[in-house]
C-alpha atoms as a PDB file:
ATOM      1  CA  MET A   1      -8.738 -17.051  26.043  1.00  0.00           C
ATOM      2  CA  GLU A   2      -7.158 -13.910  27.494  1.00  0.00           C
ATOM      3  CA  TYR A   3      -7.881 -12.726  31.020  1.00  0.00           C
ATOM      4  CA  THR A   4      -7.027  -9.237  32.186  1.00  0.00           C
ATOM      5  CA  GLU A   5      -7.849  -7.927  35.621  1.00  0.00           C
ATOM      6  CA  TYR A   6      -9.318  -5.083  37.604  1.00  0.00           C
ATOM      7  CA  ASN A   7     -10.109  -4.275  41.236  1.00  0.00           C
ATOM      8  CA  VAL A   8      -7.165  -6.127  42.797  1.00  0.00           C
ATOM      9  CA  GLY A   9      -6.639  -3.035  44.929  1.00  0.00           C
ATOM     10  CA  HIS A  10     -10.037  -3.461  46.601  1.00  0.00           C
ATOM     11  CA  ALA A  11      -8.653  -4.650  49.925  1.00  0.00           C
ATOM     12  CA  SER A  12      -5.619  -2.396  50.073  1.00  0.00           C
ATOM     13  CA  GLY A  13      -6.434   0.634  47.986  1.00  0.00           C
ATOM     14  CA  GLN A  14      -3.466  -0.054  45.709  1.00  0.00           C
ATOM     15  CA  PRO A  15      -3.293  -1.496  42.183  1.00  0.00           C
ATOM     16  CA  LYS A  16      -1.173  -4.504  41.367  1.00  0.00           C
ATOM     17  CA  ALA A  17       2.294  -4.193  39.886  1.00  0.00           C
ATOM     18  CA  PRO A  18       2.001  -3.779  36.083  1.00  0.00           C
ATOM     19  CA  GLU A  19       4.114  -6.856  35.355  1.00  0.00           C
ATOM     20  CA  VAL A  20       1.811  -9.158  37.346  1.00  0.00           C
ATOM     21  CA  ALA A  21      -0.586 -11.107  35.115  1.00  0.00           C
ATOM     22  CA  VAL A  22      -3.766 -12.834  36.263  1.00  0.00           C
ATOM     23  CA  ARG A  23      -3.789 -16.503  35.320  1.00  0.00           C
ATOM     24  CA  GLU A  24      -6.667 -18.120  33.463  1.00  0.00           C
ATOM     25  CA  PRO A  25      -8.746 -20.226  35.898  1.00  0.00           C
ATOM     26  CA  ILE A  26      -9.136 -23.981  35.789  1.00  0.00           C
ATOM     27  CA  LEU A  27     -12.376 -25.796  36.594  1.00  0.00           C
ATOM     28  CA  PHE A  28     -12.743 -27.135  40.114  1.00  0.00           C
ATOM     29  CA  GLU A  29     -13.138 -30.916  40.326  1.00  0.00           C
ATOM     30  CA  ASP A  30     -14.750 -32.446  43.403  1.00  0.00           C
ATOM     31  CA  PRO A  31     -12.249 -34.470  45.459  1.00  0.00           C
ATOM     32  CA  ASP A  32     -12.957 -38.099  46.308  1.00  0.00           C
ATOM     33  CA  PHE A  33     -13.311 -37.319  49.997  1.00  0.00           C
ATOM     34  CA  ALA A  34     -16.208 -34.856  49.577  1.00  0.00           C
ATOM     35  CA  THR A  35     -19.293 -35.976  51.495  1.00  0.00           C
ATOM     36  CA  PRO A  36     -22.910 -34.807  51.218  1.00  0.00           C
ATOM     37  CA  GLY A  37     -24.834 -33.116  53.980  1.00  0.00           C
ATOM     38  CA  PRO A  38     -23.967 -30.534  56.648  1.00  0.00           C
ATOM     39  CA  THR A  39     -20.950 -32.294  58.130  1.00  0.00           C
ATOM     40  CA  LEU A  40     -17.174 -31.984  57.961  1.00  0.00           C
ATOM     41  CA  ASN A  41     -14.907 -35.007  57.738  1.00  0.00           C
ATOM     42  CA  ALA A  42     -11.211 -34.837  58.533  1.00  0.00           C
ATOM     43  CA  ALA A  43     -10.183 -34.610  54.876  1.00  0.00           C
ATOM     44  CA  GLU A  44     -12.599 -31.755  54.245  1.00  0.00           C
ATOM     45  CA  VAL A  45     -11.224 -29.885  57.241  1.00  0.00           C
ATOM     46  CA  ALA A  46      -7.678 -30.384  55.998  1.00  0.00           C
ATOM     47  CA  HIS A  47      -8.642 -29.200  52.516  1.00  0.00           C
ATOM     48  CA  PHE A  48     -10.355 -26.110  53.901  1.00  0.00           C
ATOM     49  CA  LYS A  49      -7.362 -25.211  56.061  1.00  0.00           C
ATOM     50  CA  GLU A  50      -4.893 -25.664  53.208  1.00  0.00           C
ATOM     51  CA  GLN A  51      -6.923 -24.383  50.247  1.00  0.00           C
ATOM     52  CA  GLY A  52      -9.292 -21.946  51.972  1.00  0.00           C
ATOM     53  CA  PHE A  53     -12.560 -23.460  50.711  1.00  0.00           C
ATOM     54  CA  ILE A  54     -14.765 -26.516  50.406  1.00  0.00           C
ATOM     55  CA  VAL A  55     -17.779 -27.269  48.206  1.00  0.00           C
ATOM     56  CA  LYS A  56     -20.992 -28.866  49.471  1.00  0.00           C
ATOM     57  CA  ARG A  57     -23.211 -30.156  46.685  1.00  0.00           C
ATOM     58  CA  GLY A  58     -26.977 -29.889  47.055  1.00  0.00           C
ATOM     59  CA  LEU A  59     -26.704 -28.471  50.561  1.00  0.00           C
ATOM     60  CA  VAL A  60     -29.661 -26.079  50.212  1.00  0.00           C
ATOM     61  CA  ASP A  61     -32.805 -27.821  48.990  1.00  0.00           C
ATOM     62  CA  ASP A  62     -35.321 -24.960  48.847  1.00  0.00           C
ATOM     63  CA  GLU A  63     -36.341 -24.852  45.181  1.00  0.00           C
ATOM     64  CA  ARG A  64     -39.015 -22.253  45.908  1.00  0.00           C
ATOM     65  CA  ALA A  65     -36.397 -19.894  47.378  1.00  0.00           C
ATOM     66  CA  PHE A  66     -34.281 -20.275  44.226  1.00  0.00           C
ATOM     67  CA  GLU A  67     -37.274 -19.542  41.989  1.00  0.00           C
ATOM     68  CA  GLN A  68     -38.176 -16.472  44.052  1.00  0.00           C
ATOM     69  CA  THR A  69     -34.582 -15.240  43.914  1.00  0.00           C
ATOM     70  CA  ILE A  70     -34.429 -15.476  40.131  1.00  0.00           C
ATOM     71  CA  ASP A  71     -37.901 -13.935  39.658  1.00  0.00           C
ATOM     72  CA  TYR A  72     -37.034 -11.127  42.067  1.00  0.00           C
ATOM     73  CA  LEU A  73     -33.938 -10.115  40.142  1.00  0.00           C
ATOM     74  CA  TRP A  74     -35.780  -9.916  36.838  1.00  0.00           C
ATOM     75  CA  SER A  75     -38.714  -8.035  38.336  1.00  0.00           C
ATOM     76  CA  ASN A  76     -36.337  -5.314  39.597  1.00  0.00           C
ATOM     77  CA  VAL A  77     -34.532  -4.511  36.350  1.00  0.00           C
ATOM     78  CA  PRO A  78     -34.846  -0.753  35.764  1.00  0.00           C
ATOM     79  CA  ARG A  79     -37.005   0.157  32.746  1.00  0.00           C
ATOM     80  CA  GLN A  80     -36.526  -3.333  31.258  1.00  0.00           C
ATOM     81  CA  VAL A  81     -32.948  -2.468  30.359  1.00  0.00           C
ATOM     82  CA  LEU A  82     -32.433  -6.238  30.661  1.00  0.00           C
ATOM     83  CA  ARG A  83     -35.281  -8.493  29.551  1.00  0.00           C
ATOM     84  CA  ARG A  84     -35.443 -12.045  30.843  1.00  0.00           C
ATOM     85  CA  ASP A  85     -36.611 -13.516  27.520  1.00  0.00           C
ATOM     86  CA  ASP A  86     -34.377 -11.401  25.275  1.00  0.00           C
ATOM     87  CA  PRO A  87     -30.659 -12.272  25.527  1.00  0.00           C
ATOM     88  CA  ALA A  88     -29.864  -9.538  23.019  1.00  0.00           C
ATOM     89  CA  THR A  89     -30.557  -6.985  25.763  1.00  0.00           C
ATOM     90  CA  TRP A  90     -27.883  -8.605  27.948  1.00  0.00           C
ATOM     91  CA  LEU A  91     -25.271  -7.868  25.275  1.00  0.00           C
ATOM     92  CA  ASP A  92     -26.461  -4.408  24.250  1.00  0.00           C
ATOM     93  CA  SER A  93     -24.222  -2.400  26.633  1.00  0.00           C
ATOM     94  CA  PRO A  94     -26.876  -2.294  29.382  1.00  0.00           C
ATOM     95  CA  GLY A  95     -24.476  -0.620  31.817  1.00  0.00           C
ATOM     96  CA  GLU A  96     -24.584   2.520  29.680  1.00  0.00           C
ATOM     97  CA  LYS A  97     -28.344   2.709  30.291  1.00  0.00           C
ATOM     98  CA  TRP A  98     -28.006   2.378  34.077  1.00  0.00           C
ATOM     99  CA  THR A  99     -28.543   5.748  35.755  1.00  0.00           C
ATOM    100  CA  GLU A 100     -27.353   7.259  39.031  1.00  0.00           C
ATOM    101  CA  ASP A 101     -30.937   7.022  40.268  1.00  0.00           C
ATOM    102  CA  ASP A 102     -30.891   3.250  39.684  1.00  0.00           C
ATOM    103  CA  ILE A 103     -27.883   2.657  41.938  1.00  0.00           C
ATOM    104  CA  PRO A 104     -29.428   3.264  45.392  1.00  0.00           C
ATOM    105  CA  ARG A 105     -32.545   1.368  44.352  1.00  0.00           C
ATOM    106  CA  VAL A 106     -31.079  -1.783  42.777  1.00  0.00           C
ATOM    107  CA  GLY A 107     -27.278  -1.518  42.946  1.00  0.00           C
ATOM    108  CA  ARG A 108     -24.572  -0.917  40.371  1.00  0.00           C
ATOM    109  CA  LEU A 109     -24.080  -2.516  36.961  1.00  0.00           C
ATOM    110  CA  ILE A 110     -20.394  -2.140  36.082  1.00  0.00           C
ATOM    111  CA  HIS A 111     -19.122  -3.762  32.902  1.00  0.00           C
ATOM    112  CA  ASP A 112     -20.896  -7.144  33.050  1.00  0.00           C
ATOM    113  CA  ASN A 113     -21.406  -7.354  36.818  1.00  0.00           C
ATOM    114  CA  TRP A 114     -24.625  -6.372  38.572  1.00  0.00           C
ATOM    115  CA  LYS A 115     -24.559  -6.466  42.359  1.00  0.00           C
ATOM    116  CA  MET A 116     -28.260  -6.189  43.078  1.00  0.00           C
ATOM    117  CA  ARG A 117     -28.643  -4.646  46.534  1.00  0.00           C
ATOM    118  CA  SER A 118     -30.101  -1.591  48.228  1.00  0.00           C
ATOM    119  CA  PRO A 119     -29.640   0.046  51.644  1.00  0.00           C
ATOM    120  CA  GLY A 120     -31.959   0.184  54.594  1.00  0.00           C
ATOM    121  CA  PRO A 121     -33.412  -2.267  57.132  1.00  0.00           C
ATOM    122  CA  GLU A 122     -35.781  -3.570  54.461  1.00  0.00           C
ATOM    123  CA  GLY A 123     -33.434  -3.217  51.493  1.00  0.00           C
ATOM    124  CA  ILE A 124     -32.555  -5.852  48.928  1.00  0.00           C
ATOM    125  CA  GLY A 125     -30.893  -8.747  50.733  1.00  0.00           C
ATOM    126  CA  THR A 126     -33.325  -8.814  53.661  1.00  0.00           C
ATOM    127  CA  GLU A 127     -36.171 -10.711  51.933  1.00  0.00           C
ATOM    128  CA  SER A 128     -37.377 -13.857  53.689  1.00  0.00           C
ATOM    129  CA  PHE A 129     -36.657 -16.139  50.735  1.00  0.00           C
ATOM    130  CA  LEU A 130     -33.024 -14.975  50.825  1.00  0.00           C
ATOM    131  CA  VAL A 131     -32.499 -14.806  54.591  1.00  0.00           C
ATOM    132  CA  GLU A 132     -34.606 -17.706  55.835  1.00  0.00           C
ATOM    133  CA  GLY A 133     -34.715 -19.784  52.674  1.00  0.00           C
ATOM    134  CA  ILE A 134     -30.981 -19.593  51.952  1.00  0.00           C
ATOM    135  CA  ALA A 135     -28.715 -17.926  54.557  1.00  0.00           C
ATOM    136  CA  ASN A 136     -30.530 -19.397  57.574  1.00  0.00           C
ATOM    137  CA  HIS A 137     -31.355 -22.717  55.938  1.00  0.00           C
ATOM    138  CA  PRO A 138     -30.791 -25.399  58.619  1.00  0.00           C
ATOM    139  CA  ASN A 139     -28.048 -27.053  56.591  1.00  0.00           C
ATOM    140  CA  MET A 140     -26.195 -23.761  56.177  1.00  0.00           C
ATOM    141  CA  ILE A 141     -26.285 -23.015  59.907  1.00  0.00           C
ATOM    142  CA  ALA A 142     -25.262 -26.591  60.731  1.00  0.00           C
ATOM    143  CA  MET A 143     -22.234 -26.258  58.471  1.00  0.00           C
ATOM    144  CA  VAL A 144     -21.165 -22.980  60.064  1.00  0.00           C
ATOM    145  CA  ARG A 145     -21.532 -24.506  63.534  1.00  0.00           C
ATOM    146  CA  ALA A 146     -19.319 -27.383  62.419  1.00  0.00           C
ATOM    147  CA  PHE A 147     -16.576 -24.911  61.560  1.00  0.00           C
ATOM    148  CA  PHE A 148     -16.772 -23.057  64.870  1.00  0.00           C
ATOM    149  CA  ASP A 149     -18.447 -25.415  67.369  1.00  0.00           C
ATOM    150  CA  ALA A 150     -20.180 -22.362  68.823  1.00  0.00           C
ATOM    151  CA  PRO A 151     -23.507 -20.520  68.672  1.00  0.00           C
ATOM    152  CA  ILE A 152     -23.848 -18.683  65.353  1.00  0.00           C
ATOM    153  CA  LYS A 153     -25.362 -15.222  65.002  1.00  0.00           C
ATOM    154  CA  PRO A 154     -28.386 -15.714  62.714  1.00  0.00           C
ATOM    155  CA  PRO A 155     -27.913 -13.704  59.517  1.00  0.00           C
ATOM    156  CA  ARG A 156     -30.276 -10.764  59.109  1.00  0.00           C
ATOM    157  CA  ARG A 157     -29.419 -10.175  55.452  1.00  0.00           C
ATOM    158  CA  VAL A 158     -27.345 -11.495  52.568  1.00  0.00           C
ATOM    159  CA  ARG A 159     -25.125  -9.228  50.491  1.00  0.00           C
ATOM    160  CA  GLY A 160     -27.701  -9.256  47.689  1.00  0.00           C
ATOM    161  CA  ILE A 161     -28.095 -11.147  44.422  1.00  0.00           C
ATOM    162  CA  TYR A 162     -24.937 -11.033  42.288  1.00  0.00           C
ATOM    163  CA  ALA A 163     -25.315 -11.348  38.530  1.00  0.00           C
ATOM    164  CA  VAL A 164     -22.742 -11.685  35.745  1.00  0.00           C
ATOM    165  CA  LEU A 165     -23.983 -10.983  32.231  1.00  0.00           C
ATOM    166  CA  PRO A 166     -22.769 -12.991  29.233  1.00  0.00           C
ATOM    167  CA  LYS A 167     -20.317 -11.673  26.681  1.00  0.00           C
ATOM    168  CA  PRO A 168     -18.734 -13.088  23.509  1.00  0.00           C
ATOM    169  CA  SER A 169     -15.201 -14.409  23.827  1.00  0.00           C
ATOM    170  CA  SER A 170     -14.108 -11.886  21.201  1.00  0.00           C
ATOM    171  CA  ARG A 171     -14.244  -9.331  24.032  1.00  0.00           C
ATOM    172  CA  PRO A 172     -11.448 -10.105  26.539  1.00  0.00           C
ATOM    173  CA  GLY A 173     -12.752 -11.035  29.950  1.00  0.00           C
ATOM    174  CA  ARG A 174     -11.592  -9.414  33.155  1.00  0.00           C
ATOM    175  CA  LEU A 175     -11.299 -11.159  36.472  1.00  0.00           C
ATOM    176  CA  GLY A 176     -11.365  -8.923  39.527  1.00  0.00           C
ATOM    177  CA  PRO A 177      -9.272 -10.678  42.185  1.00  0.00           C
ATOM    178  CA  HIS A 178      -9.729  -9.116  45.608  1.00  0.00           C
ATOM    179  CA  ALA A 179     -10.117  -9.839  49.302  1.00  0.00           C
ATOM    180  CA  ASP A 180     -13.024  -8.215  51.105  1.00  0.00           C
ATOM    181  CA  TYR A 181     -12.821  -5.384  53.600  1.00  0.00           C
ATOM    182  CA  MET A 182     -15.337  -6.992  55.942  1.00  0.00           C
ATOM    183  CA  ALA A 183     -15.546  -8.782  59.267  1.00  0.00           C
ATOM    184  CA  ALA A 184     -17.046 -12.123  58.286  1.00  0.00           C
ATOM    185  CA  GLU A 185     -15.647 -15.242  59.963  1.00  0.00           C
ATOM    186  CA  LEU A 186     -16.925 -17.552  57.207  1.00  0.00           C
ATOM    187  CA  SER A 187     -18.399 -16.717  53.800  1.00  0.00           C
ATOM    188  CA  ALA A 188     -20.493 -18.773  51.413  1.00  0.00           C
ATOM    189  CA  MET A 189     -21.550 -18.453  47.790  1.00  0.00           C
ATOM    190  CA  VAL A 190     -24.854 -20.209  47.066  1.00  0.00           C
ATOM    191  CA  LEU A 191     -25.743 -21.243  43.519  1.00  0.00           C
ATOM    192  CA  VAL A 192     -29.425 -20.678  42.667  1.00  0.00           C
ATOM    193  CA  HIS A 193     -29.382 -22.240  39.186  1.00  0.00           C
ATOM    194  CA  GLU A 194     -27.119 -24.392  37.027  1.00  0.00           C
ATOM    195  CA  ILE A 195     -23.779 -22.783  36.208  1.00  0.00           C
ATOM    196  CA  LEU A 196     -21.834 -24.347  33.344  1.00  0.00           C
ATOM    197  CA  PRO A 197     -18.105 -23.982  32.601  1.00  0.00           C
ATOM    198  CA  GLY A 198     -17.234 -20.572  31.236  1.00  0.00           C
ATOM    199  CA  SER A 199     -20.504 -19.057  32.449  1.00  0.00           C
ATOM    200  CA  GLY A 200     -19.146 -16.743  35.129  1.00  0.00           C
ATOM    201  CA  GLY A 201     -18.756 -19.181  37.996  1.00  0.00           C
ATOM    202  CA  PHE A 202     -17.352 -17.902  41.289  1.00  0.00           C
ATOM    203  CA  THR A 203     -13.548 -17.943  41.060  1.00  0.00           C
ATOM    204  CA  LEU A 204     -11.055 -18.285  43.916  1.00  0.00           C
ATOM    205  CA  TRP A 205      -7.269 -18.425  44.480  1.00  0.00           C
ATOM    206  CA  PRO A 206      -6.593 -21.571  46.576  1.00  0.00           C
ATOM    207  CA  GLY A 207      -4.339 -21.074  49.584  1.00  0.00           C
ATOM    208  CA  SER A 208      -4.278 -17.293  49.303  1.00  0.00           C
ATOM    209  CA  HIS A 209      -5.878 -16.934  52.766  1.00  0.00           C
ATOM    210  CA  LEU A 210      -2.669 -18.159  54.408  1.00  0.00           C
ATOM    211  CA  ARG A 211      -0.538 -15.554  52.635  1.00  0.00           C
ATOM    212  CA  LEU A 212      -2.885 -12.604  53.131  1.00  0.00           C
ATOM    213  CA  HIS A 213      -3.952 -13.252  56.726  1.00  0.00           C
ATOM    214  CA  PRO A 214      -1.000 -11.541  58.487  1.00  0.00           C
ATOM    215  CA  HIS A 215      -1.691  -8.214  56.810  1.00  0.00           C
ATOM    216  CA  TRP A 216      -5.041  -7.527  58.448  1.00  0.00           C
ATOM    217  CA  ASP A 217      -5.066  -5.731  61.784  1.00  0.00           C
ATOM    218  CA  THR A 218      -7.091  -8.474  63.511  1.00  0.00           C
ATOM    219  CA  VAL A 219      -7.896 -12.113  62.818  1.00  0.00           C
ATOM    220  CA  HIS A 220     -11.530 -11.566  61.858  1.00  0.00           C
ATOM    221  CA  GLY A 221     -11.916  -7.801  61.441  1.00  0.00           C
ATOM    222  CA  GLY A 222     -12.143  -5.863  58.199  1.00  0.00           C
ATOM    223  CA  VAL A 223      -9.325  -3.331  58.556  1.00  0.00           C
ATOM    224  CA  ILE A 224      -5.831  -3.107  57.041  1.00  0.00           C
ATOM    225  CA  SER A 225      -4.028  -0.130  58.562  1.00  0.00           C
ATOM    226  CA  GLU A 226      -1.768   2.093  56.505  1.00  0.00           C
ATOM    227  CA  GLU A 227       1.502   0.558  57.685  1.00  0.00           C
ATOM    228  CA  ARG A 228       0.359  -2.929  56.604  1.00  0.00           C
ATOM    229  CA  ARG A 229      -0.825  -2.063  53.114  1.00  0.00           C
ATOM    230  CA  GLU A 230       2.484  -2.365  51.293  1.00  0.00           C
ATOM    231  CA  GLY A 231       2.990  -5.842  52.766  1.00  0.00           C
ATOM    232  CA  PHE A 232      -0.508  -6.777  51.677  1.00  0.00           C
ATOM    233  CA  ARG A 233       0.145  -5.508  48.165  1.00  0.00           C
ATOM    234  CA  GLN A 234       3.334  -7.556  47.866  1.00  0.00           C
ATOM    235  CA  SER A 235       1.643 -10.715  49.136  1.00  0.00           C
ATOM    236  CA  ARG A 236      -1.337 -10.169  46.873  1.00  0.00           C
ATOM    237  CA  ASP A 237       0.885  -9.773  43.810  1.00  0.00           C
ATOM    238  CA  ALA A 238       2.777 -12.931  44.786  1.00  0.00           C
ATOM    239  CA  VAL A 239      -0.530 -14.803  44.963  1.00  0.00           C
ATOM    240  CA  LEU A 240      -1.417 -13.652  41.455  1.00  0.00           C
ATOM    241  CA  ARG A 241       2.008 -14.703  40.139  1.00  0.00           C
ATOM    242  CA  ASP A 242       2.103 -18.079  41.862  1.00  0.00           C
ATOM    243  CA  ILE A 243      -1.447 -19.438  42.104  1.00  0.00           C
ATOM    244  CA  THR A 244      -3.825 -20.600  39.379  1.00  0.00           C
ATOM    245  CA  PRO A 245      -7.428 -19.736  40.322  1.00  0.00           C
ATOM    246  CA  VAL A 246     -10.263 -22.252  40.220  1.00  0.00           C
ATOM    247  CA  GLU A 247     -13.725 -21.659  38.773  1.00  0.00           C
ATOM    248  CA  PHE A 248     -16.774 -23.312  40.361  1.00  0.00           C
ATOM    249  CA  THR A 249     -19.635 -24.814  38.374  1.00  0.00           C
ATOM    250  CA  GLY A 250     -22.651 -26.704  39.640  1.00  0.00           C
ATOM    251  CA  HIS A 251     -26.376 -26.720  40.276  1.00  0.00           C
ATOM    252  CA  ALA A 252     -28.923 -24.904  42.408  1.00  0.00           C
ATOM    253  CA  GLY A 253     -28.245 -25.618  46.073  1.00  0.00           C
ATOM    254  CA  ASP A 254     -24.499 -26.162  45.706  1.00  0.00           C
ATOM    255  CA  VAL A 255     -22.501 -24.014  48.123  1.00  0.00           C
ATOM    256  CA  VAL A 256     -18.883 -22.868  48.164  1.00  0.00           C
ATOM    257  CA  PHE A 257     -17.722 -22.074  51.719  1.00  0.00           C
ATOM    258  CA  TRP A 258     -14.565 -19.986  51.815  1.00  0.00           C
ATOM    259  CA  HIS A 259     -12.290 -18.357  54.337  1.00  0.00           C
ATOM    260  CA  PRO A 260     -12.905 -14.577  54.125  1.00  0.00           C
ATOM    261  CA  ARG A 261      -9.186 -13.828  53.663  1.00  0.00           C
ATOM    262  CA  THR A 262      -9.154 -15.851  50.439  1.00  0.00           C
ATOM    263  CA  MET A 263      -8.730 -13.889  47.219  1.00  0.00           C
ATOM    264  CA  HIS A 264     -11.714 -14.342  44.924  1.00  0.00           C
ATOM    265  CA  SER A 265     -13.597 -12.873  41.971  1.00  0.00           C
ATOM    266  CA  ALA A 266     -16.740 -13.089  39.934  1.00  0.00           C
ATOM    267  CA  GLY A 267     -16.042 -15.309  36.945  1.00  0.00           C
ATOM    268  CA  VAL A 268     -16.143 -14.282  33.297  1.00  0.00           C
ATOM    269  CA  ASN A 269     -19.347 -15.294  31.526  1.00  0.00           C
ATOM    270  CA  TYR A 270     -18.676 -16.367  27.932  1.00  0.00           C
ATOM    271  CA  SER A 271     -21.999 -18.171  27.507  1.00  0.00           C
ATOM    272  CA  ALA A 272     -22.916 -15.722  24.711  1.00  0.00           C
ATOM    273  CA  ASP A 273     -20.773 -17.898  22.425  1.00  0.00           C
ATOM    274  CA  GLY A 274     -23.021 -20.952  22.817  1.00  0.00           C
ATOM    275  CA  ASP A 275     -26.667 -21.829  22.312  1.00  0.00           C
ATOM    276  CA  ARG A 276     -27.484 -21.288  26.001  1.00  0.00           C
ATOM    277  CA  PRO A 277     -26.538 -17.734  26.959  1.00  0.00           C
ATOM    278  CA  THR A 278     -27.316 -17.182  30.619  1.00  0.00           C
ATOM    279  CA  VAL A 279     -27.109 -14.532  33.285  1.00  0.00           C
ATOM    280  CA  ARG A 280     -25.170 -16.089  36.169  1.00  0.00           C
ATOM    281  CA  LEU A 281     -26.782 -15.559  39.579  1.00  0.00           C
ATOM    282  CA  VAL A 282     -25.422 -16.375  43.052  1.00  0.00           C
ATOM    283  CA  VAL A 283     -26.279 -15.325  46.602  1.00  0.00           C
ATOM    284  CA  PRO A 284     -23.309 -14.438  48.876  1.00  0.00           C
ATOM    285  CA  CYS A 285     -23.824 -15.044  52.614  1.00  0.00           C
ATOM    286  CA  ASP A 286     -21.609 -14.208  55.592  1.00  0.00           C
ATOM    287  CA  TYR A 287     -21.435 -15.675  59.097  1.00  0.00           C
ATOM    288  CA  GLN A 288     -19.873 -15.092  62.494  1.00  0.00           C
ATOM    289  CA  ARG A 289     -20.116 -16.385  66.028  1.00  0.00           C
ATOM    290  CA  ASP A 290     -22.759 -15.044  68.384  1.00  0.00           C
ATOM    291  CA  GLY A 291     -22.259 -13.348  71.728  1.00  0.00           C
ATOM    292  CA  MET A 292     -19.492 -10.893  70.837  1.00  0.00           C
ATOM    293  CA  THR A 293     -19.305  -7.139  71.433  1.00  0.00           C
ATOM    294  CA  TYR A 294     -20.018  -5.914  67.916  1.00  0.00           C
ATOM    295  CA  TYR A 295     -19.309  -2.438  66.576  1.00  0.00           C
ATOM    296  CA  ASP A 296     -19.184  -0.477  63.319  1.00  0.00           C
ATOM    297  CA  ASP A 297     -15.916   0.962  62.054  1.00  0.00           C
ATOM    298  CA  GLU A 298     -16.347   4.609  61.084  1.00  0.00           C
ATOM    299  CA  GLU A 299     -13.870   4.439  58.198  1.00  0.00           C
ATOM    300  CA  TYR A 300     -14.307   0.940  56.800  1.00  0.00           C
ATOM    301  CA  GLY A 301     -17.764  -0.083  57.995  1.00  0.00           C
ATOM    302  CA  PRO A 302     -19.926  -1.935  57.933  1.00  0.00           C
ATOM    303  CA  GLY A 303     -22.425   0.708  58.886  1.00  0.00           C
ATOM    304  CA  GLU A 304     -25.227   2.912  57.636  1.00  0.00           C
ATOM    305  CA  LYS A 305     -22.980   4.914  55.294  1.00  0.00           C
ATOM    306  CA  TYR A 306     -20.512   2.290  54.066  1.00  0.00           C
ATOM    307  CA  GLN A 307     -20.801  -1.441  53.402  1.00  0.00           C
ATOM    308  CA  TRP A 308     -24.391  -1.418  54.570  1.00  0.00           C
ATOM    309  CA  TRP A 309     -24.909  -4.623  52.594  1.00  0.00           C
ATOM    310  CA  VAL A 310     -22.661  -6.502  55.055  1.00  0.00           C
ATOM    311  CA  ASP A 311     -24.445  -8.177  57.969  1.00  0.00           C
ATOM    312  CA  THR A 312     -21.388  -9.223  59.993  1.00  0.00           C
ATOM    313  CA  ARG A 313     -19.604  -6.792  62.309  1.00  0.00           C
ATOM    314  CA  ASN A 314     -16.210  -6.135  63.873  1.00  0.00           C
ATOM    315  CA  TYR A 315     -16.083  -7.125  67.552  1.00  0.00           C
ATOM    316  CA  ARG A 316     -14.027  -6.060  70.561  1.00  0.00           C
ATOM    317  CA  GLU A 317     -12.900  -9.581  71.506  1.00  0.00           C
ATOM    318  CA  ASP A 318     -11.006  -9.976  68.207  1.00  0.00           C
ATOM    319  CA  VAL A 319      -7.205 -10.301  68.491  1.00  0.00           C
ATOM    320  CA  ALA A 320      -4.275  -8.937  66.491  1.00  0.00           C
ATOM    321  CA  THR A 321      -2.967 -11.118  63.669  1.00  0.00           C
ATOM    322  CA  THR A 322       0.259 -13.062  63.932  1.00  0.00           C
ATOM    323  CA  ALA A 323       1.924 -15.310  61.393  1.00  0.00           C
ATOM    324  CA  ASP A 324       0.267 -18.418  62.820  1.00  0.00           C
ATOM    325  CA  ASN A 325      -3.054 -17.483  64.452  1.00  0.00           C
ATOM    326  CA  ILE A 326      -5.334 -17.617  61.421  1.00  0.00           C
ATOM    327  CA  TRP A 327      -7.480 -20.297  63.115  1.00  0.00           C
ATOM    328  CA  GLU A 328      -8.108 -18.302  66.292  1.00  0.00           C
ATOM    329  CA  GLY A 329     -11.690 -19.069  67.343  1.00  0.00           C
ATOM    330  CA  TRP A 330     -12.242 -21.918  64.860  1.00  0.00           C
ATOM    331  CA  ALA A 331     -13.126 -25.458  65.860  1.00  0.00           C
ATOM    332  CA  VAL A 332     -11.013 -26.780  62.973  1.00  0.00           C
END
């Protein structure tokens, strides 16, 4: 199965070197030390610090919120370009039927990826079943507090509902490895239905957070200044050469927590080849500590004109990055 890539320049504005290939992902297997519930044991902390992520199975137990999330996506498809009960419409080049008028209302559909979101204080991502049912679920907040041992700013929105449409394996898949231009201190991807191997599961490059961290201007902020971008590009290409990504599968309520500097991508959904084609849905959430002096960055956001889907903000108390201060402000 061949994997090509796109969007690796997302965090630096520069494409990868042409000789750098993107490795095919392997499936993540739960380690023996993983424990249920909103706690962190010493082995989980060590794994998170080294690999940049941990997985908590069944952490969110709000089945009604998952049902509402799935129903909400299907009820907002423009002009029934995609029909819930007709997988043929998922394969019939639906992106070509997406219009410019659809984008501000329900987000972009590019290739096989639909990031369902819309701007405004009541836009997509601010619904109660997403914010209270998922992002502010008591177990989610308890986990974030365990990472920081500090008051957590309650999320006001999630990024949206992210969908990956199925495709046959005869069409080469494309991973989009990138690191986000955003000021989250901890990010989480919440599964809202079962995701099987090869069905577009969230994909991540373990340990890449340690290599990429020094190239941001501050430890938690979302800005890479011009003089740092070449160093970022070189480190990013080295990550792609050296590290095999992992793909996450699981069930509704499973959560992948990851360090925001970690390179990641939507997976490639080849479920069209089997007897259970599916549209992969996840809800991305972002967290940061409370009580800081938050501000919007005019060039990079988040703000009303750019990255309005991001709830977390840059803050004045943030500090400049060094080679060894990636855990500034963390309890771990």
